[in-house]
N, C-alpha and C. Protein backbone atom coordinates (compact mmCIF):
# COMPACT_ATOMS: atom_id res chain seq x y z
N MET A 1 -2.51 -7.17 -28.23
CA MET A 1 -3.07 -8.26 -27.46
C MET A 1 -4.07 -9.00 -28.33
N ASN A 2 -3.98 -10.28 -28.32
CA ASN A 2 -4.90 -11.12 -29.08
C ASN A 2 -6.18 -11.30 -28.30
N SER A 3 -7.22 -11.74 -29.00
CA SER A 3 -8.45 -12.05 -28.28
C SER A 3 -8.22 -13.33 -27.49
N SER A 4 -9.05 -13.55 -26.48
CA SER A 4 -8.83 -14.70 -25.60
C SER A 4 -9.01 -16.02 -26.34
N ASN A 5 -9.80 -16.05 -27.42
CA ASN A 5 -10.00 -17.28 -28.16
C ASN A 5 -8.76 -17.66 -28.97
N ASP A 6 -7.97 -16.68 -29.37
CA ASP A 6 -6.79 -16.94 -30.20
C ASP A 6 -5.56 -17.29 -29.37
N MET A 7 -5.58 -17.00 -28.08
CA MET A 7 -4.38 -17.17 -27.27
C MET A 7 -4.31 -18.59 -26.70
N THR A 8 -3.12 -19.18 -26.81
CA THR A 8 -2.89 -20.47 -26.20
C THR A 8 -2.52 -20.26 -24.73
N PHE A 9 -2.41 -21.37 -24.02
CA PHE A 9 -2.02 -21.28 -22.61
C PHE A 9 -0.65 -20.61 -22.48
N MET A 10 0.26 -20.97 -23.37
CA MET A 10 1.60 -20.38 -23.32
C MET A 10 1.54 -18.88 -23.62
N ASN A 11 0.68 -18.47 -24.53
CA ASN A 11 0.54 -17.05 -24.82
C ASN A 11 0.00 -16.29 -23.60
N HIS A 12 -0.92 -16.92 -22.87
CA HIS A 12 -1.43 -16.30 -21.64
C HIS A 12 -0.32 -16.15 -20.61
N LEU A 13 0.52 -17.18 -20.49
CA LEU A 13 1.64 -17.09 -19.55
C LEU A 13 2.64 -16.01 -19.95
N LEU A 14 2.90 -15.90 -21.24
CA LEU A 14 3.81 -14.85 -21.71
C LEU A 14 3.22 -13.46 -21.48
N GLU A 15 1.93 -13.33 -21.69
CA GLU A 15 1.25 -12.06 -21.43
C GLU A 15 1.31 -11.72 -19.94
N LEU A 16 1.06 -12.71 -19.09
CA LEU A 16 1.15 -12.51 -17.65
C LEU A 16 2.56 -12.12 -17.24
N ARG A 17 3.55 -12.78 -17.81
CA ARG A 17 4.94 -12.46 -17.51
C ARG A 17 5.28 -11.02 -17.88
N SER A 18 4.86 -10.58 -19.06
CA SER A 18 5.17 -9.21 -19.47
C SER A 18 4.46 -8.20 -18.57
N ARG A 19 3.24 -8.50 -18.15
CA ARG A 19 2.52 -7.59 -17.23
C ARG A 19 3.22 -7.54 -15.87
N LEU A 20 3.67 -8.71 -15.39
CA LEU A 20 4.39 -8.75 -14.11
C LEU A 20 5.72 -8.00 -14.17
N ILE A 21 6.38 -8.05 -15.30
CA ILE A 21 7.65 -7.33 -15.46
C ILE A 21 7.41 -5.83 -15.37
N TYR A 22 6.35 -5.33 -16.01
CA TYR A 22 6.03 -3.91 -15.91
C TYR A 22 5.78 -3.50 -14.46
N VAL A 23 5.01 -4.31 -13.76
CA VAL A 23 4.66 -3.99 -12.38
C VAL A 23 5.90 -4.05 -11.49
N LEU A 24 6.71 -5.09 -11.63
CA LEU A 24 7.92 -5.22 -10.81
C LEU A 24 8.93 -4.13 -11.10
N PHE A 25 9.05 -3.72 -12.36
CA PHE A 25 9.94 -2.61 -12.69
C PHE A 25 9.45 -1.33 -12.04
N SER A 26 8.15 -1.11 -12.07
CA SER A 26 7.57 0.06 -11.42
C SER A 26 7.82 0.03 -9.91
N VAL A 27 7.61 -1.13 -9.29
CA VAL A 27 7.86 -1.26 -7.85
C VAL A 27 9.33 -0.99 -7.54
N PHE A 28 10.23 -1.50 -8.36
CA PHE A 28 11.66 -1.28 -8.14
C PHE A 28 12.03 0.20 -8.22
N ILE A 29 11.56 0.88 -9.24
CA ILE A 29 11.88 2.30 -9.42
C ILE A 29 11.33 3.13 -8.27
N PHE A 30 10.06 2.91 -7.92
CA PHE A 30 9.45 3.68 -6.83
C PHE A 30 10.03 3.30 -5.47
N SER A 31 10.45 2.06 -5.29
CA SER A 31 11.10 1.65 -4.05
C SER A 31 12.44 2.35 -3.89
N PHE A 32 13.18 2.46 -4.97
CA PHE A 32 14.44 3.17 -4.93
C PHE A 32 14.21 4.63 -4.56
N ALA A 33 13.21 5.26 -5.15
CA ALA A 33 12.88 6.65 -4.81
C ALA A 33 12.43 6.75 -3.36
N GLY A 34 11.65 5.76 -2.89
CA GLY A 34 11.20 5.75 -1.51
C GLY A 34 12.36 5.64 -0.53
N TYR A 35 13.35 4.81 -0.88
CA TYR A 35 14.53 4.70 -0.02
C TYR A 35 15.30 6.01 0.00
N TYR A 36 15.39 6.65 -1.16
CA TYR A 36 16.13 7.91 -1.27
C TYR A 36 15.49 9.00 -0.39
N TYR A 37 14.16 9.04 -0.35
CA TYR A 37 13.45 10.04 0.44
C TYR A 37 12.95 9.50 1.77
N SER A 38 13.53 8.41 2.23
CA SER A 38 13.01 7.75 3.43
C SER A 38 13.13 8.61 4.69
N ASN A 39 14.15 9.45 4.80
CA ASN A 39 14.27 10.29 6.00
C ASN A 39 13.07 11.23 6.12
N GLU A 40 12.68 11.85 5.02
CA GLU A 40 11.54 12.76 5.03
C GLU A 40 10.24 11.98 5.31
N ILE A 41 10.13 10.80 4.73
CA ILE A 41 8.93 9.99 4.92
C ILE A 41 8.82 9.52 6.36
N ILE A 42 9.93 9.12 6.96
CA ILE A 42 9.92 8.69 8.36
C ILE A 42 9.48 9.84 9.26
N ASN A 43 9.95 11.04 8.98
CA ASN A 43 9.52 12.20 9.78
C ASN A 43 8.01 12.44 9.66
N ILE A 44 7.47 12.25 8.47
CA ILE A 44 6.02 12.40 8.27
C ILE A 44 5.27 11.32 9.04
N LEU A 45 5.79 10.08 9.02
CA LEU A 45 5.12 8.97 9.69
C LEU A 45 5.23 9.06 11.21
N LEU A 46 6.27 9.72 11.70
CA LEU A 46 6.42 9.88 13.14
C LEU A 46 5.62 11.07 13.69
N ALA A 47 5.12 11.92 12.81
CA ALA A 47 4.40 13.12 13.23
C ALA A 47 3.18 12.84 14.10
N PRO A 48 2.37 11.79 13.84
CA PRO A 48 1.19 11.57 14.68
C PRO A 48 1.50 11.28 16.15
N ILE A 49 2.71 10.87 16.46
CA ILE A 49 3.03 10.57 17.86
C ILE A 49 2.99 11.86 18.67
N ASN A 50 3.85 12.79 18.42
CA ASN A 50 3.84 14.12 19.02
C ASN A 50 3.35 14.10 20.47
N ASP A 51 3.93 13.20 21.25
CA ASP A 51 3.54 13.05 22.65
C ASP A 51 4.80 12.82 23.48
N PRO A 52 5.05 13.65 24.49
CA PRO A 52 6.27 13.48 25.29
C PRO A 52 6.29 12.18 26.10
N ALA A 53 5.12 11.56 26.29
CA ALA A 53 5.07 10.30 27.06
C ALA A 53 5.56 9.11 26.23
N ILE A 54 5.67 9.29 24.91
CA ILE A 54 6.08 8.19 24.04
C ILE A 54 7.49 8.48 23.51
N ASN A 55 8.34 7.48 23.63
CA ASN A 55 9.73 7.60 23.20
C ASN A 55 9.99 6.58 22.10
N ILE A 56 10.51 7.02 20.96
CA ILE A 56 10.85 6.12 19.85
C ILE A 56 12.34 5.81 19.94
N GLN A 57 12.68 4.51 19.83
CA GLN A 57 14.07 4.08 19.97
C GLN A 57 14.46 3.15 18.82
N ALA A 58 15.73 3.14 18.53
CA ALA A 58 16.32 2.15 17.62
C ALA A 58 17.20 1.25 18.49
N LEU A 59 16.83 -0.01 18.64
CA LEU A 59 17.53 -0.90 19.56
C LEU A 59 18.57 -1.78 18.88
N LYS A 60 18.51 -1.91 17.59
CA LYS A 60 19.48 -2.75 16.87
C LYS A 60 20.32 -1.88 15.94
N ILE A 61 21.48 -2.38 15.61
CA ILE A 61 22.36 -1.66 14.70
C ILE A 61 21.70 -1.45 13.34
N THR A 62 20.95 -2.44 12.90
CA THR A 62 20.36 -2.38 11.57
C THR A 62 18.95 -1.78 11.55
N SER A 63 18.46 -1.31 12.68
CA SER A 63 17.07 -0.84 12.76
C SER A 63 16.76 0.25 11.74
N ILE A 64 17.59 1.27 11.67
CA ILE A 64 17.31 2.39 10.77
C ILE A 64 17.41 1.94 9.31
N PHE A 65 18.41 1.14 8.99
CA PHE A 65 18.57 0.65 7.62
C PHE A 65 17.37 -0.19 7.19
N MET A 66 16.96 -1.13 8.05
CA MET A 66 15.82 -1.98 7.71
C MET A 66 14.52 -1.17 7.63
N THR A 67 14.42 -0.15 8.47
CA THR A 67 13.25 0.72 8.42
C THR A 67 13.21 1.47 7.10
N LYS A 68 14.36 1.96 6.65
CA LYS A 68 14.40 2.67 5.36
C LYS A 68 14.05 1.74 4.20
N ILE A 69 14.51 0.50 4.26
CA ILE A 69 14.15 -0.47 3.21
C ILE A 69 12.65 -0.74 3.25
N MET A 70 12.09 -0.92 4.45
CA MET A 70 10.66 -1.16 4.58
C MET A 70 9.86 0.03 4.03
N ILE A 71 10.28 1.23 4.34
CA ILE A 71 9.61 2.44 3.84
C ILE A 71 9.71 2.48 2.32
N GLY A 72 10.88 2.19 1.79
CA GLY A 72 11.06 2.19 0.34
C GLY A 72 10.16 1.18 -0.35
N LEU A 73 10.08 -0.02 0.18
CA LEU A 73 9.22 -1.05 -0.41
C LEU A 73 7.74 -0.67 -0.31
N PHE A 74 7.34 -0.14 0.83
CA PHE A 74 5.95 0.27 0.98
C PHE A 74 5.61 1.37 -0.02
N LEU A 75 6.48 2.35 -0.13
CA LEU A 75 6.22 3.43 -1.08
C LEU A 75 6.24 2.90 -2.51
N GLY A 76 7.16 1.98 -2.80
CA GLY A 76 7.23 1.40 -4.14
C GLY A 76 5.96 0.66 -4.50
N ILE A 77 5.44 -0.10 -3.57
CA ILE A 77 4.20 -0.84 -3.82
C ILE A 77 3.02 0.13 -3.92
N SER A 78 2.98 1.11 -3.03
CA SER A 78 1.87 2.07 -3.05
C SER A 78 1.84 2.89 -4.32
N LEU A 79 2.98 3.41 -4.74
CA LEU A 79 3.01 4.24 -5.95
C LEU A 79 2.85 3.41 -7.22
N SER A 80 3.15 2.12 -7.13
CA SER A 80 2.97 1.24 -8.29
C SER A 80 1.56 0.70 -8.38
N PHE A 81 0.74 1.03 -7.43
CA PHE A 81 -0.62 0.50 -7.43
C PHE A 81 -1.39 0.81 -8.71
N PRO A 82 -1.34 2.04 -9.24
CA PRO A 82 -2.04 2.29 -10.51
C PRO A 82 -1.50 1.43 -11.66
N VAL A 83 -0.20 1.22 -11.69
CA VAL A 83 0.41 0.38 -12.71
C VAL A 83 -0.09 -1.06 -12.57
N LEU A 84 -0.18 -1.53 -11.33
CA LEU A 84 -0.69 -2.87 -11.06
C LEU A 84 -2.14 -3.01 -11.52
N VAL A 85 -2.98 -2.05 -11.16
CA VAL A 85 -4.39 -2.12 -11.54
C VAL A 85 -4.54 -2.07 -13.06
N TYR A 86 -3.80 -1.17 -13.69
CA TYR A 86 -3.86 -1.03 -15.14
C TYR A 86 -3.47 -2.34 -15.84
N ASN A 87 -2.35 -2.92 -15.43
CA ASN A 87 -1.89 -4.17 -16.06
C ASN A 87 -2.79 -5.34 -15.72
N LEU A 88 -3.34 -5.36 -14.53
CA LEU A 88 -4.28 -6.41 -14.17
C LEU A 88 -5.53 -6.34 -15.05
N LEU A 89 -6.04 -5.12 -15.23
CA LEU A 89 -7.23 -4.97 -16.06
C LEU A 89 -6.95 -5.32 -17.52
N LEU A 90 -5.78 -4.94 -18.02
CA LEU A 90 -5.44 -5.32 -19.39
C LEU A 90 -5.27 -6.82 -19.55
N PHE A 91 -4.78 -7.48 -18.49
CA PHE A 91 -4.60 -8.93 -18.57
C PHE A 91 -5.94 -9.66 -18.54
N ILE A 92 -6.85 -9.21 -17.70
CA ILE A 92 -8.13 -9.92 -17.58
C ILE A 92 -9.18 -9.39 -18.55
N LEU A 93 -8.84 -8.38 -19.33
CA LEU A 93 -9.78 -7.79 -20.29
C LEU A 93 -10.45 -8.82 -21.20
N PRO A 94 -9.73 -9.82 -21.71
CA PRO A 94 -10.41 -10.80 -22.58
C PRO A 94 -11.49 -11.61 -21.87
N ALA A 95 -11.48 -11.66 -20.55
CA ALA A 95 -12.48 -12.44 -19.82
C ALA A 95 -13.82 -11.71 -19.72
N PHE A 96 -13.82 -10.41 -19.97
CA PHE A 96 -15.07 -9.66 -19.89
C PHE A 96 -15.96 -9.97 -21.08
N GLU A 97 -17.25 -10.16 -20.81
CA GLU A 97 -18.19 -10.40 -21.90
C GLU A 97 -18.35 -9.13 -22.73
N ASN A 98 -18.64 -8.03 -22.06
CA ASN A 98 -18.72 -6.74 -22.75
C ASN A 98 -17.35 -6.10 -22.62
N LYS A 99 -16.65 -6.03 -23.69
CA LYS A 99 -15.28 -5.54 -23.65
C LYS A 99 -15.21 -4.12 -23.11
N LEU A 100 -14.27 -3.92 -22.22
CA LEU A 100 -13.99 -2.58 -21.73
C LEU A 100 -13.00 -1.94 -22.69
N ASN A 101 -13.20 -0.69 -22.95
CA ASN A 101 -12.22 0.00 -23.77
C ASN A 101 -11.22 0.71 -22.88
N LEU A 102 -10.22 1.30 -23.49
CA LEU A 102 -9.14 1.94 -22.74
C LEU A 102 -9.66 3.09 -21.88
N LYS A 103 -10.69 3.79 -22.35
CA LYS A 103 -11.25 4.90 -21.58
C LYS A 103 -11.86 4.39 -20.28
N LYS A 104 -12.61 3.29 -20.35
CA LYS A 104 -13.22 2.74 -19.14
C LYS A 104 -12.15 2.21 -18.19
N ILE A 105 -11.11 1.60 -18.74
CA ILE A 105 -10.02 1.11 -17.90
C ILE A 105 -9.33 2.28 -17.20
N SER A 106 -9.12 3.38 -17.92
CA SER A 106 -8.50 4.56 -17.31
C SER A 106 -9.36 5.11 -16.18
N ILE A 107 -10.67 5.11 -16.37
CA ILE A 107 -11.57 5.59 -15.32
C ILE A 107 -11.49 4.68 -14.10
N ILE A 108 -11.47 3.36 -14.33
CA ILE A 108 -11.36 2.41 -13.21
C ILE A 108 -10.04 2.60 -12.47
N VAL A 109 -8.95 2.78 -13.22
CA VAL A 109 -7.64 2.99 -12.58
C VAL A 109 -7.65 4.29 -11.78
N PHE A 110 -8.22 5.34 -12.34
CA PHE A 110 -8.29 6.62 -11.62
C PHE A 110 -9.12 6.49 -10.35
N LEU A 111 -10.29 5.85 -10.44
CA LEU A 111 -11.13 5.66 -9.26
C LEU A 111 -10.44 4.79 -8.22
N SER A 112 -9.74 3.77 -8.69
CA SER A 112 -9.01 2.90 -7.79
C SER A 112 -7.91 3.68 -7.06
N LEU A 113 -7.19 4.51 -7.79
CA LEU A 113 -6.15 5.33 -7.18
C LEU A 113 -6.75 6.32 -6.19
N LEU A 114 -7.86 6.92 -6.56
CA LEU A 114 -8.53 7.87 -5.67
C LEU A 114 -8.98 7.18 -4.38
N LEU A 115 -9.60 6.01 -4.51
CA LEU A 115 -10.02 5.27 -3.32
C LEU A 115 -8.82 4.83 -2.48
N PHE A 116 -7.73 4.45 -3.14
CA PHE A 116 -6.51 4.06 -2.43
C PHE A 116 -5.99 5.24 -1.60
N LEU A 117 -5.94 6.42 -2.21
CA LEU A 117 -5.45 7.60 -1.50
C LEU A 117 -6.38 8.01 -0.36
N ILE A 118 -7.69 7.88 -0.58
CA ILE A 118 -8.65 8.17 0.50
C ILE A 118 -8.44 7.21 1.65
N GLY A 119 -8.20 5.94 1.34
CA GLY A 119 -7.92 4.95 2.38
C GLY A 119 -6.65 5.27 3.15
N LEU A 120 -5.60 5.70 2.44
CA LEU A 120 -4.36 6.09 3.11
C LEU A 120 -4.60 7.29 4.03
N LEU A 121 -5.30 8.28 3.52
CA LEU A 121 -5.59 9.47 4.31
C LEU A 121 -6.44 9.13 5.53
N PHE A 122 -7.45 8.28 5.35
CA PHE A 122 -8.28 7.86 6.47
C PHE A 122 -7.44 7.14 7.54
N GLY A 123 -6.56 6.25 7.08
CA GLY A 123 -5.70 5.54 8.02
C GLY A 123 -4.78 6.49 8.77
N TYR A 124 -4.22 7.47 8.05
CA TYR A 124 -3.25 8.40 8.63
C TYR A 124 -3.93 9.39 9.58
N LYS A 125 -5.07 9.91 9.19
CA LYS A 125 -5.72 10.97 9.97
C LYS A 125 -6.69 10.47 11.03
N VAL A 126 -7.26 9.28 10.85
CA VAL A 126 -8.29 8.80 11.78
C VAL A 126 -7.82 7.57 12.55
N ILE A 127 -7.46 6.51 11.85
CA ILE A 127 -7.16 5.24 12.54
C ILE A 127 -5.90 5.33 13.39
N ILE A 128 -4.82 5.87 12.82
CA ILE A 128 -3.55 5.93 13.57
C ILE A 128 -3.68 6.78 14.84
N PRO A 129 -4.16 8.04 14.76
CA PRO A 129 -4.29 8.81 16.02
C PRO A 129 -5.21 8.13 17.04
N PHE A 130 -6.32 7.57 16.56
CA PHE A 130 -7.24 6.90 17.48
C PHE A 130 -6.56 5.69 18.14
N SER A 131 -5.89 4.87 17.34
CA SER A 131 -5.27 3.67 17.90
C SER A 131 -4.10 4.01 18.83
N LEU A 132 -3.33 5.05 18.49
CA LEU A 132 -2.24 5.46 19.39
C LEU A 132 -2.80 5.94 20.72
N SER A 133 -3.85 6.72 20.66
CA SER A 133 -4.48 7.20 21.89
C SER A 133 -5.05 6.04 22.70
N PHE A 134 -5.68 5.10 22.01
CA PHE A 134 -6.27 3.94 22.69
C PHE A 134 -5.20 3.10 23.38
N PHE A 135 -4.15 2.75 22.65
CA PHE A 135 -3.10 1.90 23.23
C PHE A 135 -2.32 2.64 24.32
N LYS A 136 -2.16 3.94 24.16
CA LYS A 136 -1.48 4.72 25.20
C LYS A 136 -2.32 4.72 26.47
N SER A 137 -3.64 4.90 26.34
CA SER A 137 -4.49 4.93 27.53
C SER A 137 -4.50 3.58 28.23
N ILE A 138 -4.46 2.50 27.47
CA ILE A 138 -4.42 1.17 28.09
C ILE A 138 -3.08 0.95 28.78
N SER A 139 -1.98 1.33 28.12
CA SER A 139 -0.64 1.10 28.67
C SER A 139 -0.37 1.93 29.90
N LEU A 140 -0.72 3.21 29.85
CA LEU A 140 -0.44 4.07 30.99
C LEU A 140 -1.44 3.87 32.11
N GLY A 141 -2.56 3.25 31.82
CA GLY A 141 -3.54 2.98 32.86
C GLY A 141 -3.18 1.82 33.75
N VAL A 142 -2.25 0.98 33.31
CA VAL A 142 -1.87 -0.20 34.09
C VAL A 142 -1.08 0.21 35.33
N LEU A 143 -0.01 0.92 35.10
CA LEU A 143 0.84 1.41 36.20
C LEU A 143 1.25 2.84 35.90
N ASN A 144 1.39 3.61 36.92
CA ASN A 144 1.77 5.01 36.70
C ASN A 144 3.24 5.17 36.36
N ASN A 145 4.06 4.17 36.66
CA ASN A 145 5.51 4.29 36.45
C ASN A 145 5.98 3.76 35.10
N ILE A 146 5.07 3.38 34.24
CA ILE A 146 5.46 2.83 32.94
C ILE A 146 5.70 3.97 31.96
N SER A 147 6.83 3.87 31.28
CA SER A 147 7.08 4.82 30.19
C SER A 147 6.97 4.04 28.88
N LEU A 148 6.42 4.69 27.87
CA LEU A 148 6.20 4.04 26.59
C LEU A 148 7.42 4.24 25.70
N ASN A 149 8.10 3.15 25.42
CA ASN A 149 9.26 3.15 24.53
C ASN A 149 8.97 2.21 23.38
N TYR A 150 8.73 2.77 22.22
CA TYR A 150 8.46 1.97 21.03
C TYR A 150 9.72 1.91 20.19
N THR A 151 9.96 0.75 19.57
CA THR A 151 11.06 0.70 18.62
C THR A 151 10.56 1.29 17.30
N ILE A 152 11.46 1.88 16.56
CA ILE A 152 11.07 2.50 15.30
C ILE A 152 10.56 1.45 14.32
N GLU A 153 11.16 0.27 14.34
CA GLU A 153 10.70 -0.81 13.46
C GLU A 153 9.28 -1.23 13.81
N ASN A 154 9.03 -1.44 15.10
CA ASN A 154 7.72 -1.87 15.54
C ASN A 154 6.66 -0.83 15.22
N TYR A 155 6.95 0.42 15.54
CA TYR A 155 5.98 1.49 15.30
C TYR A 155 5.68 1.64 13.81
N LEU A 156 6.72 1.71 12.99
CA LEU A 156 6.48 1.93 11.56
C LEU A 156 5.88 0.70 10.88
N THR A 157 6.21 -0.49 11.36
CA THR A 157 5.57 -1.68 10.82
C THR A 157 4.07 -1.64 11.12
N TYR A 158 3.72 -1.32 12.34
CA TYR A 158 2.32 -1.18 12.71
C TYR A 158 1.65 -0.10 11.87
N PHE A 159 2.30 1.03 11.77
CA PHE A 159 1.77 2.18 11.02
C PHE A 159 1.52 1.81 9.57
N LEU A 160 2.50 1.18 8.92
CA LEU A 160 2.36 0.84 7.51
C LEU A 160 1.30 -0.24 7.28
N TRP A 161 1.18 -1.19 8.22
CA TRP A 161 0.13 -2.21 8.08
C TRP A 161 -1.25 -1.56 8.19
N ILE A 162 -1.40 -0.63 9.10
CA ILE A 162 -2.69 0.07 9.23
C ILE A 162 -2.99 0.82 7.93
N LEU A 163 -2.01 1.51 7.38
CA LEU A 163 -2.22 2.23 6.12
C LEU A 163 -2.55 1.27 4.98
N LEU A 164 -1.85 0.16 4.92
CA LEU A 164 -2.09 -0.81 3.86
C LEU A 164 -3.49 -1.41 3.98
N ILE A 165 -3.89 -1.78 5.17
CA ILE A 165 -5.21 -2.38 5.37
C ILE A 165 -6.31 -1.36 5.08
N SER A 166 -6.16 -0.13 5.57
CA SER A 166 -7.21 0.85 5.34
C SER A 166 -7.33 1.21 3.87
N SER A 167 -6.22 1.30 3.16
CA SER A 167 -6.29 1.62 1.72
C SER A 167 -6.81 0.43 0.92
N THR A 168 -6.54 -0.78 1.36
CA THR A 168 -7.05 -1.97 0.67
C THR A 168 -8.55 -2.11 0.87
N ILE A 169 -9.04 -1.80 2.05
CA ILE A 169 -10.47 -1.87 2.30
C ILE A 169 -11.22 -0.92 1.37
N TYR A 170 -10.62 0.21 1.10
CA TYR A 170 -11.27 1.17 0.19
C TYR A 170 -11.26 0.70 -1.26
N GLN A 171 -10.57 -0.39 -1.55
CA GLN A 171 -10.57 -0.96 -2.90
C GLN A 171 -11.72 -1.93 -3.13
N LEU A 172 -12.47 -2.26 -2.10
CA LEU A 172 -13.55 -3.23 -2.23
C LEU A 172 -14.58 -2.87 -3.31
N PRO A 173 -14.98 -1.61 -3.47
CA PRO A 173 -15.92 -1.31 -4.56
C PRO A 173 -15.36 -1.67 -5.94
N ILE A 174 -14.09 -1.41 -6.17
CA ILE A 174 -13.47 -1.73 -7.46
C ILE A 174 -13.39 -3.25 -7.63
N ILE A 175 -13.02 -3.96 -6.58
CA ILE A 175 -12.93 -5.42 -6.66
C ILE A 175 -14.30 -6.03 -6.93
N ILE A 176 -15.32 -5.52 -6.24
CA ILE A 176 -16.67 -6.03 -6.46
C ILE A 176 -17.12 -5.73 -7.89
N PHE A 177 -16.82 -4.53 -8.38
CA PHE A 177 -17.18 -4.17 -9.76
C PHE A 177 -16.54 -5.14 -10.76
N ILE A 178 -15.26 -5.42 -10.58
CA ILE A 178 -14.56 -6.33 -11.50
C ILE A 178 -15.14 -7.74 -11.41
N LEU A 179 -15.39 -8.21 -10.19
CA LEU A 179 -15.95 -9.55 -10.02
C LEU A 179 -17.35 -9.65 -10.63
N VAL A 180 -18.15 -8.61 -10.52
CA VAL A 180 -19.47 -8.61 -11.12
C VAL A 180 -19.36 -8.62 -12.65
N ARG A 181 -18.41 -7.86 -13.17
CA ARG A 181 -18.25 -7.79 -14.63
C ARG A 181 -17.78 -9.11 -15.22
N ILE A 182 -16.94 -9.84 -14.50
CA ILE A 182 -16.47 -11.12 -15.06
C ILE A 182 -17.36 -12.28 -14.63
N LYS A 183 -18.37 -11.98 -13.85
CA LYS A 183 -19.37 -12.95 -13.40
C LYS A 183 -18.70 -14.11 -12.68
């Protein structure tokens, strides 16, 4: 990598393109693995329901297939997160006044991954059970004859968005650190 003073605009674009290719290749590989293991992942994601009052249904022919693709993409993006952070830091490295070395970048990537995993765990163990209990109490409190039937697509989309948001919120310290460093 050249210093930022030596690089032309086209060189910056080529550098960005190569970084994006690494990230997209990583997302593709992990998405394929996520699709392959999607049955096991779906069972893990359905575990917090564990309530006889709630029924999960597939209402469309393509529901299970689209759910598996969604799970694969989510896992691909999640597992590629360290690759994304690493390539992002290497791309913006010339903008730092005090150059970060590879050791500091590795520490930032590790901390970012750790915070991402803590956010996922917090979403899975705290937010999802609380929100399911909350929405169930509101739904069943309206009428006694209502049964809760969620579609698998709707439930897993909600579940994955909660996980994505909670893990992204845990990235705020890293984002603030980077923004402070580049002023």
